[in-house]
Amino acid sequence: MVHNLSQQDSLLGNYMAELRDIEIQHDPVRFRLNMERIAEIMGYEISKSLPYKTISVETPLGVSSDRVLQEQPVLITILRAGLAMHTGLMRCFDRAESAFVSAYRKHLTPEEFEIYVEYLAAPNLDGRIWIISDPMLATGNSMNTVFDALIKVGIPKKIFLVTALSTHQALAKVRAHFPPNTDIFTAAIDDELTAQSYIVPGLGDAGDLAFGVKV
């Protein structure tokens, strides 16, 4: 299921507008902060779908019955662009374990490229709830390649994908590749994808804007 959070007015729209703004993009601190804010909102939305249990909490005046998470998810981010979103998700799920995967485009021509995964560091992933964050779903190829790498080390109980911006093409490709128990949370969906696989109007290269232009 795809959850397009832009379909309802909220502060998320403010943060997305600032991410896209070419003038505000000159401030990488602000760019990272807005990615973190978007991820926090999505983490809260995801939390509504997670399993809970009741515990007793001793207060200064008595005992309270409270509902808390039954289990912690694993937060999985795609390096390097996903790090800011990962920080926002960690604020929501501050006791969760983390996994990190590198994925990058290796261009064969200006229009054609392959996705390579060269690094994966993860806790036990088997039978766990996965929350995978990557700020852009342009073609869906990176996300699908990362899933293929992750599935070799564990089978998830449930998957949530978190992204700031996606295309209809990428969403269709990811939904066809991932198992049925996958929910996708996106802050916006753009219609156009260029021949070089960049989203229009998009926002540019999220990794470069957050951490500096790579060489």
Protein backbone atom coordinates (compact mmCIF):
# COMPACT_ATOMS: atom_id res chain seq x y z
CA MET A 1 0.00 0.00 0.00
CA VAL A 2 1.20 3.51 -0.83
CA HIS A 3 0.58 6.28 1.71
CA ASN A 4 0.96 9.64 -0.05
CA LEU A 5 1.04 12.09 2.86
CA SER A 6 0.78 15.09 0.51
CA GLN A 7 -2.87 14.24 -0.10
CA GLN A 8 -3.73 15.86 3.22
CA ASP A 9 -2.56 19.34 4.26
CA SER A 10 -0.04 19.33 7.08
CA LEU A 11 3.32 20.82 8.09
CA LEU A 12 4.88 18.20 5.85
CA GLY A 13 4.10 20.52 2.94
CA ASN A 14 6.23 23.28 4.50
CA TYR A 15 9.20 20.95 4.87
CA MET A 16 8.87 19.63 1.31
CA ALA A 17 8.64 23.17 -0.09
CA GLU A 18 11.89 24.09 1.68
CA LEU A 19 13.61 20.93 0.41
CA ARG A 20 12.73 21.93 -3.17
CA ASP A 21 13.55 25.64 -2.84
CA ILE A 22 16.76 26.37 -4.75
CA GLU A 23 17.66 29.25 -2.40
CA ILE A 24 17.09 27.35 0.85
CA GLN A 25 19.05 24.42 -0.59
CA HIS A 26 22.22 26.49 -0.15
CA ASP A 27 21.94 25.72 3.57
CA PRO A 28 22.79 22.01 4.05
CA VAL A 29 21.95 22.19 7.76
CA ARG A 30 18.41 23.29 6.91
CA PHE A 31 18.16 20.63 4.21
CA ARG A 32 19.14 17.86 6.61
CA LEU A 33 16.79 19.23 9.28
CA ASN A 34 13.82 19.12 6.91
CA MET A 35 14.65 15.53 5.92
CA GLU A 36 14.78 14.64 9.60
CA ARG A 37 11.42 16.32 10.24
CA ILE A 38 9.77 14.46 7.38
CA ALA A 39 11.14 11.16 8.65
CA GLU A 40 9.88 11.90 12.17
CA ILE A 41 6.37 12.51 10.86
CA MET A 42 6.50 9.28 8.88
CA GLY A 43 7.85 7.41 11.88
CA TYR A 44 4.86 8.58 13.90
CA GLU A 45 2.47 7.50 11.13
CA ILE A 46 4.14 4.09 10.90
CA SER A 47 3.92 3.68 14.67
CA LYS A 48 0.13 3.52 14.39
CA SER A 49 0.45 0.23 12.48
CA LEU A 50 2.90 -1.52 14.81
CA PRO A 51 1.99 -4.11 17.49
CA TYR A 52 1.59 -2.91 21.09
CA LYS A 53 1.35 -4.41 24.56
CA THR A 54 0.17 -3.16 27.96
CA ILE A 55 2.67 -2.66 30.78
CA SER A 56 2.36 -1.41 34.36
CA VAL A 57 4.36 1.71 35.21
CA GLU A 58 4.94 2.80 38.78
CA THR A 59 4.41 6.54 39.27
CA PRO A 60 5.05 8.62 42.42
CA LEU A 61 1.35 8.21 43.28
CA GLY A 62 0.38 4.78 42.03
CA VAL A 63 0.50 2.37 39.09
CA SER A 64 -0.42 3.26 35.53
CA SER A 65 -1.33 0.90 32.67
CA ASP A 66 0.31 2.09 29.46
CA ARG A 67 0.49 0.86 25.88
CA VAL A 68 4.02 0.52 24.49
CA LEU A 69 5.62 -1.07 21.45
CA GLN A 70 5.59 -4.84 21.59
CA GLU A 71 8.82 -5.02 19.61
CA GLN A 72 11.34 -2.64 18.12
CA PRO A 73 11.74 -2.35 14.33
CA VAL A 74 15.07 -2.40 12.54
CA LEU A 75 15.89 0.94 10.93
CA ILE A 76 17.63 0.38 7.59
CA THR A 77 19.09 3.27 5.63
CA ILE A 78 20.67 3.51 2.19
CA LEU A 79 23.99 5.35 2.36
CA ARG A 80 24.70 8.19 2.12
CA ALA A 81 21.58 10.12 1.21
CA GLY A 82 19.40 8.30 3.71
CA LEU A 83 21.38 9.33 6.80
CA ALA A 84 19.32 12.45 7.58
CA MET A 85 16.04 10.51 7.38
CA HIS A 86 17.62 7.80 9.52
CA THR A 87 18.33 10.40 12.21
CA GLY A 88 14.68 11.47 12.22
CA LEU A 89 13.47 7.88 12.48
CA MET A 90 15.85 7.22 15.37
CA ARG A 91 14.19 10.05 17.30
CA CYS A 92 10.91 8.12 17.02
CA PHE A 93 12.31 4.64 17.56
CA ASP A 94 15.16 5.48 19.92
CA ARG A 95 15.67 1.88 21.05
CA ALA A 96 15.67 0.36 17.57
CA GLU A 97 18.67 -1.36 16.04
CA SER A 98 20.07 -0.03 12.76
CA ALA A 99 21.32 -1.47 9.50
CA PHE A 100 23.27 0.34 6.78
CA VAL A 101 23.53 -0.47 3.08
CA SER A 102 25.55 1.28 0.39
CA ALA A 103 24.03 1.52 -3.07
CA TYR A 104 25.25 3.64 -5.96
CA ARG A 105 24.70 4.14 -9.66
CA LYS A 106 27.45 3.02 -12.05
CA HIS A 107 26.71 4.69 -15.38
CA LEU A 108 27.23 2.70 -18.56
CA THR A 109 25.99 5.63 -20.69
CA PRO A 110 24.48 9.00 -19.65
CA GLU A 111 21.06 7.31 -19.70
CA GLU A 112 21.92 3.75 -18.62
CA PHE A 113 23.28 2.63 -15.27
CA GLU A 114 23.48 -0.33 -12.95
CA ILE A 115 23.04 -0.33 -9.17
CA TYR A 116 25.82 -1.78 -7.05
CA VAL A 117 25.64 -2.73 -3.36
CA GLU A 118 29.11 -3.01 -1.81
CA TYR A 119 28.46 -2.74 1.94
CA LEU A 120 25.87 -4.12 4.32
CA ALA A 121 26.08 -4.02 8.11
CA ALA A 122 23.00 -5.27 9.95
CA PRO A 123 21.77 -6.87 13.15
CA ASN A 124 19.56 -9.95 12.97
CA LEU A 125 16.92 -9.17 10.32
CA ASP A 126 15.01 -12.43 10.33
CA GLY A 127 11.37 -12.18 11.42
CA ARG A 128 11.76 -8.48 12.20
CA ILE A 129 9.88 -5.34 11.16
CA TRP A 130 12.00 -3.41 8.65
CA ILE A 131 11.80 0.36 8.12
CA ILE A 132 13.91 1.25 5.08
CA SER A 133 14.63 4.93 4.41
CA ASP A 134 15.88 6.59 1.23
CA PRO A 135 14.93 10.18 0.38
CA MET A 136 14.28 9.59 -3.35
CA LEU A 137 12.50 6.83 -5.26
CA ALA A 138 13.27 7.86 -8.84
CA THR A 139 13.35 4.59 -10.77
CA GLY A 140 13.02 2.14 -7.88
CA ASN A 141 16.14 0.28 -9.01
CA SER A 142 18.24 1.16 -5.95
CA MET A 143 15.52 0.15 -3.51
CA ASN A 144 14.92 -3.15 -5.30
CA THR A 145 18.64 -3.95 -5.40
CA VAL A 146 18.97 -3.18 -1.70
CA PHE A 147 16.03 -5.45 -0.94
CA ASP A 148 17.71 -8.27 -2.88
CA ALA A 149 20.81 -7.83 -0.71
CA LEU A 150 18.84 -7.70 2.55
CA ILE A 151 16.70 -10.72 1.80
CA LYS A 152 19.85 -12.87 1.66
CA VAL A 153 20.44 -12.31 5.39
CA GLY A 154 16.89 -12.35 6.75
CA ILE A 155 13.20 -12.64 5.95
CA PRO A 156 11.12 -9.69 7.25
CA LYS A 157 7.84 -9.97 9.08
CA LYS A 158 6.73 -6.56 7.75
CA ILE A 159 8.34 -3.82 5.66
CA PHE A 160 7.83 -0.06 5.68
CA LEU A 161 9.55 2.10 3.06
CA VAL A 162 10.09 5.77 3.89
CA THR A 163 10.88 8.34 1.19
CA ALA A 164 10.50 12.09 0.79
CA LEU A 165 9.90 12.07 -2.97
CA SER A 166 8.91 9.37 -5.46
CA THR A 167 7.59 8.83 -8.97
CA HIS A 168 4.66 6.72 -10.09
CA GLN A 169 7.08 4.63 -12.16
CA ALA A 170 9.28 3.84 -9.14
CA LEU A 171 6.33 3.07 -6.89
CA ALA A 172 4.96 0.58 -9.43
CA LYS A 173 8.34 -1.12 -9.83
CA VAL A 174 8.95 -1.37 -6.08
CA ARG A 175 5.46 -2.68 -5.36
CA ALA A 176 5.94 -5.38 -8.00
CA HIS A 177 9.31 -6.40 -6.53
CA PHE A 178 8.66 -6.25 -2.78
CA PRO A 179 6.47 -8.74 -0.87
CA PRO A 180 2.77 -7.92 -0.31
CA ASN A 181 3.37 -7.03 3.35
CA THR A 182 5.08 -3.76 2.32
CA ASP A 183 3.75 -0.27 3.04
CA ILE A 184 5.31 2.75 1.32
CA PHE A 185 5.21 6.20 2.92
CA THR A 186 6.05 9.14 0.65
CA ALA A 187 5.80 12.87 1.27
CA ALA A 188 5.16 13.69 -2.41
CA ILE A 189 4.87 12.06 -5.84
CA ASP A 190 6.16 13.78 -8.99
CA ASP A 191 5.05 12.79 -12.49
CA GLU A 192 8.13 13.26 -14.66
CA LEU A 193 11.38 11.27 -14.87
CA THR A 194 14.10 12.46 -17.26
CA ALA A 195 16.14 10.22 -19.58
CA GLN A 196 18.93 10.41 -16.98
CA SER A 197 16.45 9.17 -14.32
CA TYR A 198 16.12 12.44 -12.40
CA ILE A 199 12.78 13.48 -10.93
CA VAL A 200 11.10 16.65 -12.27
CA PRO A 201 10.36 19.08 -10.67
CA GLY A 202 12.13 17.06 -7.98
CA LEU A 203 14.70 18.71 -5.75
CA GLY A 204 18.10 17.69 -7.08
CA ASP A 205 20.59 15.22 -5.59
CA ALA A 206 19.57 14.70 -1.96
CA GLY A 207 22.94 13.29 -0.92
CA ASP A 208 24.88 16.21 -2.40
CA LEU A 209 22.51 18.78 -0.90
CA ALA A 210 22.77 17.22 2.54
CA PHE A 211 26.47 16.39 2.70
CA GLY A 212 28.29 18.15 -0.15
CA VAL A 213 28.86 17.48 -3.83
CA LYS A 214 30.63 14.16 -4.42
CA VAL A 215 33.49 13.93 -6.88
